[in-house]
Amino acid sequence: MKCNEARRMVVPFVKKELSERDTEAFLAHIETCEDCMEELDIYFIAYHALNAMDQGTHHEYDFKKMLHEEIRSARRNIIRHKLAKVSHVILILLAELTLVISLITGIRMKQGLSSDTIFERAILRMYMQQRGNTAEELGDESAWETETETESETENVGGSESVSAAENET
């Protein structure tokens, strides 16, 4: 950003009328340009001193401290907005990933594929328990096989068969 552009942004910055993008560019410029920072300092003092006089409050103010606090506040707001945008994108991606995994798992379970993972079988079992249905009530042979396989795997934990089955799966 050039000094001419930054000087045009001094008044809107003090009045808090700049967009987030313009504020970020303006703050980056005044960090490196002493002349623009000095102009901002002068305008900030004049603006807030006149406002204080208009309101009838004639207290002593530390305008330089107020300006630096205003700059810090603007930077914090920019960082918050950026973090909110990033977390929003991450949440959307996680939701999409969850949806895709659910769809794939649902399709594979509906097809009754015997190569279901332990995770998929556990989901099916939890679903059936939640609905209060067992494989017998559903009359679904593949669900029954899946349920009995899951039960036999949990019973064989610690046995040599479960170790060799785990090795074969990996």
N, C-alpha and C. Protein backbone atom coordinates (compact mmCIF):
# COMPACT_ATOMS: atom_id res chain seq x y z
N MET A 1 0.85 -1.17 0.00
CA MET A 1 0.00 0.00 0.00
C MET A 1 0.90 1.23 0.00
N LYS A 2 0.48 2.22 -0.76
CA LYS A 2 1.23 3.47 -0.84
C LYS A 2 0.70 4.44 0.21
N CYS A 3 1.51 5.43 0.51
CA CYS A 3 1.15 6.42 1.54
C CYS A 3 -0.13 7.18 1.19
N ASN A 4 -0.33 7.49 -0.09
CA ASN A 4 -1.55 8.21 -0.48
C ASN A 4 -2.80 7.41 -0.13
N GLU A 5 -2.77 6.11 -0.40
CA GLU A 5 -3.91 5.26 -0.07
C GLU A 5 -4.10 5.18 1.44
N ALA A 6 -3.01 5.04 2.16
CA ALA A 6 -3.09 4.94 3.62
C ALA A 6 -3.64 6.22 4.22
N ARG A 7 -3.23 7.36 3.70
CA ARG A 7 -3.71 8.64 4.24
C ARG A 7 -5.20 8.82 3.99
N ARG A 8 -5.68 8.28 2.89
CA ARG A 8 -7.13 8.34 2.63
C ARG A 8 -7.91 7.44 3.60
N MET A 9 -7.23 6.47 4.18
CA MET A 9 -7.89 5.53 5.10
C MET A 9 -7.83 5.97 6.56
N VAL A 10 -7.11 7.02 6.87
CA VAL A 10 -6.94 7.46 8.25
C VAL A 10 -8.30 7.79 8.87
N VAL A 11 -9.07 8.63 8.21
CA VAL A 11 -10.38 9.04 8.76
C VAL A 11 -11.33 7.85 8.88
N PRO A 12 -11.49 7.03 7.83
CA PRO A 12 -12.38 5.87 8.00
C PRO A 12 -11.91 4.90 9.09
N PHE A 13 -10.58 4.77 9.29
CA PHE A 13 -10.09 3.90 10.35
C PHE A 13 -10.51 4.43 11.72
N VAL A 14 -10.30 5.72 11.93
CA VAL A 14 -10.63 6.32 13.22
C VAL A 14 -12.14 6.23 13.47
N LYS A 15 -12.93 6.36 12.42
CA LYS A 15 -14.39 6.28 12.57
C LYS A 15 -14.90 4.84 12.52
N LYS A 16 -13.96 3.90 12.38
CA LYS A 16 -14.28 2.45 12.32
C LYS A 16 -15.20 2.13 11.15
N GLU A 17 -14.86 2.68 10.00
CA GLU A 17 -15.66 2.47 8.79
C GLU A 17 -14.93 1.63 7.75
N LEU A 18 -13.73 1.18 8.04
CA LEU A 18 -12.97 0.38 7.07
C LEU A 18 -13.42 -1.07 7.10
N SER A 19 -13.34 -1.70 5.95
CA SER A 19 -13.60 -3.14 5.89
C SER A 19 -12.44 -3.88 6.56
N GLU A 20 -12.66 -5.15 6.82
CA GLU A 20 -11.62 -5.95 7.47
C GLU A 20 -10.36 -6.02 6.62
N ARG A 21 -10.53 -6.20 5.33
CA ARG A 21 -9.38 -6.30 4.42
C ARG A 21 -8.62 -4.98 4.37
N ASP A 22 -9.35 -3.86 4.27
CA ASP A 22 -8.69 -2.55 4.24
C ASP A 22 -8.01 -2.25 5.56
N THR A 23 -8.64 -2.62 6.65
CA THR A 23 -8.04 -2.40 7.97
C THR A 23 -6.72 -3.16 8.09
N GLU A 24 -6.72 -4.38 7.62
CA GLU A 24 -5.50 -5.19 7.69
C GLU A 24 -4.38 -4.56 6.87
N ALA A 25 -4.70 -4.13 5.65
CA ALA A 25 -3.69 -3.49 4.80
C ALA A 25 -3.22 -2.18 5.41
N PHE A 26 -4.15 -1.41 5.95
CA PHE A 26 -3.81 -0.13 6.58
C PHE A 26 -2.88 -0.33 7.77
N LEU A 27 -3.20 -1.29 8.63
CA LEU A 27 -2.36 -1.55 9.80
C LEU A 27 -0.97 -2.03 9.40
N ALA A 28 -0.90 -2.85 8.36
CA ALA A 28 0.41 -3.31 7.89
C ALA A 28 1.25 -2.13 7.40
N HIS A 29 0.60 -1.16 6.75
CA HIS A 29 1.34 -0.01 6.24
C HIS A 29 1.81 0.90 7.38
N ILE A 30 0.95 1.21 8.32
CA ILE A 30 1.35 2.15 9.37
C ILE A 30 2.41 1.57 10.30
N GLU A 31 2.55 0.25 10.32
CA GLU A 31 3.62 -0.37 11.10
C GLU A 31 4.99 0.00 10.56
N THR A 32 5.06 0.20 9.26
CA THR A 32 6.36 0.44 8.63
C THR A 32 6.56 1.89 8.21
N CYS A 33 5.50 2.70 8.22
CA CYS A 33 5.61 4.08 7.74
C CYS A 33 5.36 5.06 8.89
N GLU A 34 6.41 5.71 9.32
CA GLU A 34 6.30 6.64 10.44
C GLU A 34 5.45 7.87 10.10
N ASP A 35 5.54 8.33 8.86
CA ASP A 35 4.76 9.51 8.46
C ASP A 35 3.26 9.25 8.54
N CYS A 36 2.83 8.10 8.04
CA CYS A 36 1.40 7.76 8.07
C CYS A 36 0.95 7.50 9.51
N MET A 37 1.81 6.91 10.31
CA MET A 37 1.48 6.68 11.72
C MET A 37 1.33 8.01 12.45
N GLU A 38 2.18 8.95 12.13
CA GLU A 38 2.09 10.26 12.76
C GLU A 38 0.79 10.97 12.36
N GLU A 39 0.43 10.86 11.08
CA GLU A 39 -0.83 11.47 10.63
C GLU A 39 -2.03 10.81 11.32
N LEU A 40 -1.99 9.50 11.45
CA LEU A 40 -3.06 8.79 12.16
C LEU A 40 -3.12 9.27 13.61
N ASP A 41 -1.97 9.40 14.23
CA ASP A 41 -1.91 9.85 15.62
C ASP A 41 -2.54 11.24 15.78
N ILE A 42 -2.19 12.15 14.91
CA ILE A 42 -2.71 13.52 14.97
C ILE A 42 -4.22 13.53 14.77
N TYR A 43 -4.68 12.83 13.74
CA TYR A 43 -6.12 12.83 13.47
C TYR A 43 -6.90 12.14 14.60
N PHE A 44 -6.36 11.06 15.12
CA PHE A 44 -7.03 10.34 16.21
C PHE A 44 -7.20 11.25 17.42
N ILE A 45 -6.14 11.96 17.78
CA ILE A 45 -6.20 12.87 18.94
C ILE A 45 -7.23 13.97 18.69
N ALA A 46 -7.18 14.58 17.51
CA ALA A 46 -8.10 15.66 17.19
C ALA A 46 -9.55 15.17 17.20
N TYR A 47 -9.79 14.03 16.59
CA TYR A 47 -11.15 13.49 16.49
C TYR A 47 -11.73 13.19 17.87
N HIS A 48 -10.97 12.49 18.70
CA HIS A 48 -11.48 12.10 20.01
C HIS A 48 -11.53 13.28 20.99
N ALA A 49 -10.62 14.23 20.86
CA ALA A 49 -10.66 15.42 21.72
C ALA A 49 -11.89 16.25 21.40
N LEU A 50 -12.19 16.43 20.11
CA LEU A 50 -13.40 17.19 19.72
C LEU A 50 -14.67 16.48 20.16
N ASN A 51 -14.69 15.16 20.05
CA ASN A 51 -15.86 14.39 20.52
C ASN A 51 -16.05 14.55 22.02
N ALA A 52 -14.95 14.54 22.75
CA ALA A 52 -15.04 14.70 24.21
C ALA A 52 -15.56 16.09 24.56
N MET A 53 -15.14 17.09 23.82
CA MET A 53 -15.62 18.45 24.07
C MET A 53 -17.09 18.58 23.72
N ASP A 54 -17.50 17.96 22.61
CA ASP A 54 -18.90 18.01 22.19
C ASP A 54 -19.82 17.35 23.22
N GLN A 55 -19.32 16.30 23.83
CA GLN A 55 -20.13 15.59 24.82
C GLN A 55 -20.06 16.26 26.19
N GLY A 56 -19.24 17.26 26.33
CA GLY A 56 -19.14 17.97 27.59
C GLY A 56 -18.29 17.29 28.62
N THR A 57 -17.54 16.28 28.23
CA THR A 57 -16.63 15.61 29.16
C THR A 57 -15.24 16.17 28.95
N HIS A 58 -14.72 16.83 29.94
CA HIS A 58 -13.41 17.46 29.83
C HIS A 58 -12.40 16.77 30.73
N HIS A 59 -12.36 15.46 30.65
CA HIS A 59 -11.39 14.69 31.42
C HIS A 59 -10.07 14.68 30.67
N GLU A 60 -9.03 14.37 31.37
CA GLU A 60 -7.75 14.21 30.71
C GLU A 60 -7.67 12.80 30.16
N TYR A 61 -7.29 12.69 28.91
CA TYR A 61 -7.19 11.40 28.23
C TYR A 61 -5.77 11.17 27.78
N ASP A 62 -5.39 9.91 27.74
CA ASP A 62 -4.10 9.53 27.16
C ASP A 62 -4.41 9.03 25.75
N PHE A 63 -4.44 9.98 24.79
CA PHE A 63 -4.87 9.66 23.44
C PHE A 63 -3.92 8.70 22.74
N LYS A 64 -2.64 8.81 23.02
CA LYS A 64 -1.68 7.88 22.41
C LYS A 64 -1.96 6.45 22.87
N LYS A 65 -2.23 6.31 24.15
CA LYS A 65 -2.56 4.99 24.68
C LYS A 65 -3.87 4.49 24.07
N MET A 66 -4.85 5.39 23.93
CA MET A 66 -6.12 5.02 23.32
C MET A 66 -5.92 4.56 21.88
N LEU A 67 -5.06 5.25 21.13
CA LEU A 67 -4.79 4.87 19.74
C LEU A 67 -4.15 3.49 19.67
N HIS A 68 -3.16 3.27 20.51
CA HIS A 68 -2.49 1.96 20.49
C HIS A 68 -3.46 0.85 20.89
N GLU A 69 -4.34 1.13 21.81
CA GLU A 69 -5.36 0.13 22.18
C GLU A 69 -6.32 -0.11 21.02
N GLU A 70 -6.65 0.94 20.30
CA GLU A 70 -7.53 0.80 19.13
C GLU A 70 -6.88 -0.05 18.05
N ILE A 71 -5.59 0.15 17.84
CA ILE A 71 -4.85 -0.64 16.85
C ILE A 71 -4.79 -2.10 17.29
N ARG A 72 -4.49 -2.34 18.57
CA ARG A 72 -4.46 -3.73 19.08
C ARG A 72 -5.82 -4.39 18.94
N SER A 73 -6.86 -3.66 19.24
CA SER A 73 -8.22 -4.19 19.13
C SER A 73 -8.55 -4.55 17.68
N ALA A 74 -8.16 -3.70 16.75
CA ALA A 74 -8.40 -3.98 15.33
C ALA A 74 -7.65 -5.23 14.90
N ARG A 75 -6.42 -5.38 15.35
CA ARG A 75 -5.65 -6.59 14.99
C ARG A 75 -6.28 -7.85 15.59
N ARG A 76 -6.73 -7.76 16.83
CA ARG A 76 -7.39 -8.92 17.46
C ARG A 76 -8.65 -9.31 16.69
N ASN A 77 -9.42 -8.32 16.26
CA ASN A 77 -10.64 -8.61 15.50
C ASN A 77 -10.31 -9.29 14.18
N ILE A 78 -9.26 -8.85 13.53
CA ILE A 78 -8.85 -9.47 12.27
C ILE A 78 -8.45 -10.92 12.51
N ILE A 79 -7.69 -11.17 13.55
CA ILE A 79 -7.27 -12.54 13.87
C ILE A 79 -8.47 -13.40 14.21
N ARG A 80 -9.41 -12.87 14.99
CA ARG A 80 -10.62 -13.63 15.32
C ARG A 80 -11.42 -14.01 14.08
N HIS A 81 -11.56 -13.05 13.17
CA HIS A 81 -12.31 -13.34 11.95
C HIS A 81 -11.61 -14.40 11.10
N LYS A 82 -10.29 -14.32 11.03
CA LYS A 82 -9.55 -15.33 10.26
C LYS A 82 -9.70 -16.71 10.90
N LEU A 83 -9.58 -16.78 12.22
CA LEU A 83 -9.75 -18.07 12.91
C LEU A 83 -11.16 -18.61 12.73
N ALA A 84 -12.14 -17.72 12.76
CA ALA A 84 -13.53 -18.16 12.56
C ALA A 84 -13.71 -18.73 11.16
N LYS A 85 -13.11 -18.08 10.17
CA LYS A 85 -13.22 -18.58 8.80
C LYS A 85 -12.56 -19.94 8.65
N VAL A 86 -11.36 -20.08 9.22
CA VAL A 86 -10.63 -21.35 9.14
C VAL A 86 -11.40 -22.46 9.85
N SER A 87 -11.89 -22.17 11.05
CA SER A 87 -12.63 -23.21 11.78
C SER A 87 -13.92 -23.56 11.06
N HIS A 88 -14.54 -22.60 10.41
CA HIS A 88 -15.76 -22.87 9.64
C HIS A 88 -15.45 -23.83 8.49
N VAL A 89 -14.36 -23.58 7.79
CA VAL A 89 -13.97 -24.46 6.68
C VAL A 89 -13.64 -25.85 7.21
N ILE A 90 -12.93 -25.93 8.32
CA ILE A 90 -12.58 -27.24 8.90
C ILE A 90 -13.83 -27.99 9.31
N LEU A 91 -14.78 -27.32 9.93
CA LEU A 91 -16.02 -27.98 10.33
C LEU A 91 -16.80 -28.48 9.13
N ILE A 92 -16.83 -27.71 8.07
CA ILE A 92 -17.52 -28.16 6.86
C ILE A 92 -16.85 -29.39 6.28
N LEU A 93 -15.51 -29.36 6.22
CA LEU A 93 -14.78 -30.52 5.70
C LEU A 93 -15.01 -31.76 6.56
N LEU A 94 -15.01 -31.60 7.87
CA LEU A 94 -15.28 -32.73 8.76
C LEU A 94 -16.69 -33.27 8.57
N ALA A 95 -17.65 -32.37 8.41
CA ALA A 95 -19.03 -32.80 8.19
C ALA A 95 -19.15 -33.55 6.87
N GLU A 96 -18.49 -33.06 5.83
CA GLU A 96 -18.53 -33.75 4.53
C GLU A 96 -17.85 -35.11 4.62
N LEU A 97 -16.73 -35.17 5.32
CA LEU A 97 -16.03 -36.44 5.48
C LEU A 97 -16.91 -37.45 6.24
N THR A 98 -17.56 -36.99 7.29
CA THR A 98 -18.45 -37.85 8.05
C THR A 98 -19.60 -38.34 7.18
N LEU A 99 -20.14 -37.46 6.37
CA LEU A 99 -21.24 -37.84 5.47
C LEU A 99 -20.78 -38.89 4.47
N VAL A 100 -19.62 -38.69 3.88
CA VAL A 100 -19.10 -39.65 2.91
C VAL A 100 -18.87 -41.01 3.56
N ILE A 101 -18.26 -41.01 4.74
CA ILE A 101 -18.01 -42.28 5.43
C ILE A 101 -19.34 -42.96 5.77
N SER A 102 -20.31 -42.19 6.21
CA SER A 102 -21.62 -42.75 6.54
C SER A 102 -22.29 -43.34 5.31
N LEU A 103 -22.21 -42.63 4.20
CA LEU A 103 -22.82 -43.13 2.97
C LEU A 103 -22.15 -44.41 2.50
N ILE A 104 -20.84 -44.43 2.50
CA ILE A 104 -20.11 -45.63 2.07
C ILE A 104 -20.43 -46.80 2.99
N THR A 105 -20.41 -46.54 4.29
CA THR A 105 -20.73 -47.60 5.25
C THR A 105 -22.15 -48.09 5.06
N GLY A 106 -23.09 -47.17 4.88
CA GLY A 106 -24.49 -47.56 4.68
C GLY A 106 -24.68 -48.38 3.42
N ILE A 107 -24.03 -47.99 2.35
CA ILE A 107 -24.14 -48.73 1.09
C ILE A 107 -23.56 -50.13 1.25
N ARG A 108 -22.39 -50.22 1.85
CA ARG A 108 -21.76 -51.53 2.02
C ARG A 108 -22.57 -52.42 2.95
N MET A 109 -23.16 -51.82 3.98
CA MET A 109 -23.97 -52.61 4.90
C MET A 109 -25.25 -53.08 4.21
N LYS A 110 -25.81 -52.24 3.38
CA LYS A 110 -27.03 -52.60 2.68
C LYS A 110 -26.76 -53.72 1.67
N GLN A 111 -25.60 -53.69 1.05
CA GLN A 111 -25.23 -54.72 0.10
C GLN A 111 -24.88 -56.03 0.80
N GLY A 112 -24.62 -55.94 2.09
CA GLY A 112 -24.29 -57.15 2.86
C GLY A 112 -22.93 -57.70 2.54
N LEU A 113 -22.01 -56.84 2.26
CA LEU A 113 -20.66 -57.29 1.94
C LEU A 113 -20.04 -57.96 3.16
N SER A 114 -19.42 -59.10 2.92
CA SER A 114 -18.82 -59.84 4.02
C SER A 114 -17.46 -59.27 4.42
N SER A 115 -16.93 -58.37 3.63
CA SER A 115 -15.63 -57.81 3.94
C SER A 115 -15.74 -56.53 4.78
N ASP A 116 -16.85 -56.40 5.50
CA ASP A 116 -17.03 -55.23 6.35
C ASP A 116 -15.95 -55.20 7.42
N THR A 117 -15.58 -54.03 7.78
CA THR A 117 -14.58 -53.89 8.83
C THR A 117 -15.25 -54.05 10.19
N ILE A 118 -14.44 -54.18 11.20
CA ILE A 118 -14.96 -54.28 12.56
C ILE A 118 -15.74 -53.03 12.92
N PHE A 119 -15.24 -51.88 12.45
CA PHE A 119 -15.90 -50.61 12.70
C PHE A 119 -17.32 -50.61 12.11
N GLU A 120 -17.43 -51.05 10.88
CA GLU A 120 -18.74 -51.07 10.22
C GLU A 120 -19.70 -52.04 10.92
N ARG A 121 -19.17 -53.19 11.34
CA ARG A 121 -20.02 -54.14 12.05
C ARG A 121 -20.47 -53.59 13.39
N ALA A 122 -19.59 -52.88 14.06
CA ALA A 122 -19.96 -52.27 15.34
C ALA A 122 -21.05 -51.22 15.14
N ILE A 123 -20.97 -50.45 14.06
CA ILE A 123 -22.02 -49.46 13.77
C ILE A 123 -23.34 -50.15 13.52
N LEU A 124 -23.32 -51.23 12.75
CA LEU A 124 -24.54 -51.97 12.47
C LEU A 124 -25.13 -52.52 13.76
N ARG A 125 -24.28 -53.06 14.61
CA ARG A 125 -24.77 -53.62 15.86
C ARG A 125 -25.38 -52.54 16.76
N MET A 126 -24.71 -51.39 16.84
CA MET A 126 -25.24 -50.27 17.64
C MET A 126 -26.57 -49.80 17.06
N TYR A 127 -26.66 -49.75 15.75
CA TYR A 127 -27.90 -49.32 15.11
C TYR A 127 -29.04 -50.29 15.44
N MET A 128 -28.72 -51.56 15.37
CA MET A 128 -29.75 -52.56 15.64
C MET A 128 -30.15 -52.53 17.11
N GLN A 129 -29.21 -52.33 18.01
CA GLN A 129 -29.54 -52.24 19.44
C GLN A 129 -30.35 -51.00 19.74
N GLN A 130 -30.03 -49.92 19.08
CA GLN A 130 -30.76 -48.67 19.30
C GLN A 130 -32.21 -48.82 18.85
N ARG A 131 -32.40 -49.49 17.78
CA ARG A 131 -33.77 -49.68 17.27
C ARG A 131 -34.49 -50.78 18.03
N GLY A 132 -33.77 -51.53 18.84
CA GLY A 132 -34.37 -52.60 19.62
C GLY A 132 -34.62 -53.85 18.79
N ASN A 133 -33.99 -53.91 17.65
CA ASN A 133 -34.17 -55.06 16.77
C ASN A 133 -32.95 -55.96 16.85
N THR A 134 -33.18 -57.23 16.73
CA THR A 134 -32.07 -58.16 16.61
C THR A 134 -32.09 -58.69 15.19
N ALA A 135 -31.06 -59.39 14.83
CA ALA A 135 -30.98 -59.94 13.48
C ALA A 135 -32.11 -60.93 13.23
N GLU A 136 -32.53 -61.64 14.26
CA GLU A 136 -33.62 -62.60 14.09
C GLU A 136 -34.92 -61.90 13.76
N GLU A 137 -35.18 -60.80 14.45
CA GLU A 137 -36.41 -60.06 14.19
C GLU A 137 -36.41 -59.46 12.80
N LEU A 138 -35.25 -59.05 12.32
CA LEU A 138 -35.17 -58.45 11.01
C LEU A 138 -35.24 -59.49 9.90
N GLY A 139 -34.85 -60.71 10.23
CA GLY A 139 -34.85 -61.78 9.24
C GLY A 139 -33.75 -61.59 8.21
N ASP A 140 -32.76 -60.85 8.54
CA ASP A 140 -31.68 -60.53 7.62
C ASP A 140 -30.50 -61.44 7.95
N GLU A 141 -30.20 -62.39 7.04
CA GLU A 141 -29.15 -63.35 7.31
C GLU A 141 -27.77 -62.69 7.37
N SER A 142 -27.54 -61.71 6.48
CA SER A 142 -26.22 -61.07 6.49
C SER A 142 -26.02 -60.29 7.77
N ALA A 143 -27.07 -59.65 8.28
CA ALA A 143 -26.95 -58.92 9.55
C ALA A 143 -26.69 -59.90 10.68
N TRP A 144 -27.37 -61.05 10.63
CA TRP A 144 -27.17 -62.07 11.65
C TRP A 144 -25.73 -62.57 11.62
N GLU A 145 -25.21 -62.82 10.41
CA GLU A 145 -23.82 -63.27 10.30
C GLU A 145 -22.88 -62.21 10.84
N THR A 146 -23.15 -60.98 10.52
CA THR A 146 -22.30 -59.89 11.00
C THR A 146 -22.34 -59.80 12.51
N GLU A 147 -23.54 -59.95 13.08
CA GLU A 147 -23.67 -59.86 14.53
C GLU A 147 -22.96 -61.02 15.20
N THR A 148 -23.09 -62.21 14.66
CA THR A 148 -22.44 -63.36 15.29
C THR A 148 -20.92 -63.28 15.11
N GLU A 149 -20.46 -62.75 13.97
CA GLU A 149 -19.01 -62.59 13.78
C GLU A 149 -18.45 -61.61 14.80
N THR A 150 -19.17 -60.53 15.02
CA THR A 150 -18.72 -59.52 15.99
C THR A 150 -18.68 -60.12 17.38
N GLU A 151 -19.70 -60.89 17.74
CA GLU A 151 -19.72 -61.52 19.06
C GLU A 151 -18.58 -62.51 19.21
N SER A 152 -18.31 -63.31 18.16
CA SER A 152 -17.25 -64.30 18.28
C SER A 152 -15.89 -63.61 18.35
N GLU A 153 -15.73 -62.47 17.66
CA GLU A 153 -14.46 -61.75 17.75
C GLU A 153 -14.25 -61.19 19.14
N THR A 154 -15.30 -60.69 19.77
CA THR A 154 -15.14 -60.14 21.11
C THR A 154 -14.91 -61.25 22.13
N GLU A 155 -15.44 -62.45 21.89
CA GLU A 155 -15.22 -63.56 22.82
C GLU A 155 -13.81 -64.10 22.70
N ASN A 156 -13.20 -64.01 21.52
CA ASN A 156 -11.88 -64.57 21.28
C ASN A 156 -10.75 -63.60 21.59
N VAL A 157 -11.04 -62.48 22.18
CA VAL A 157 -9.99 -61.51 22.50
C VAL A 157 -9.00 -62.16 23.46
N GLY A 158 -7.73 -62.10 23.11
CA GLY A 158 -6.70 -62.70 23.95
C GLY A 158 -6.33 -64.08 23.47
N GLY A 159 -7.14 -64.70 22.65
CA GLY A 159 -6.84 -66.03 22.14
C GLY A 159 -5.97 -65.96 20.91
N SER A 160 -5.42 -67.09 20.52
CA SER A 160 -4.52 -67.12 19.38
C SER A 160 -5.29 -66.89 18.09
N GLU A 161 -6.56 -67.29 18.06
CA GLU A 161 -7.34 -67.10 16.84
C GLU A 161 -7.55 -65.61 16.56
N SER A 162 -7.79 -64.82 17.60
CA SER A 162 -8.03 -63.38 17.37
C SER A 162 -6.75 -62.69 16.93
N VAL A 163 -5.59 -63.15 17.45
CA VAL A 163 -4.33 -62.56 17.05
C VAL A 163 -4.05 -62.87 15.60
N SER A 164 -4.25 -64.13 15.18
CA SER A 164 -3.98 -64.49 13.79
C SER A 164 -5.01 -63.85 12.87
N ALA A 165 -6.24 -63.67 13.32
CA ALA A 165 -7.26 -63.00 12.50
C ALA A 165 -6.90 -61.53 12.33
N ALA A 166 -6.39 -60.91 13.39
CA ALA A 166 -5.99 -59.51 13.30
C ALA A 166 -4.82 -59.35 12.37
N GLU A 167 -3.88 -60.31 12.40
CA GLU A 167 -2.73 -60.24 11.52
C GLU A 167 -3.16 -60.40 10.06
N ASN A 168 -4.14 -61.27 9.81
CA ASN A 168 -4.62 -61.49 8.46
C ASN A 168 -5.33 -60.25 7.92
N GLU A 169 -6.04 -59.53 8.78
CA GLU A 169 -6.77 -58.35 8.34
C GLU A 169 -5.82 -57.22 7.97
N THR A 170 -4.69 -57.13 8.65
CA THR A 170 -3.72 -56.07 8.35
C THR A 170 -2.86 -56.51 7.23
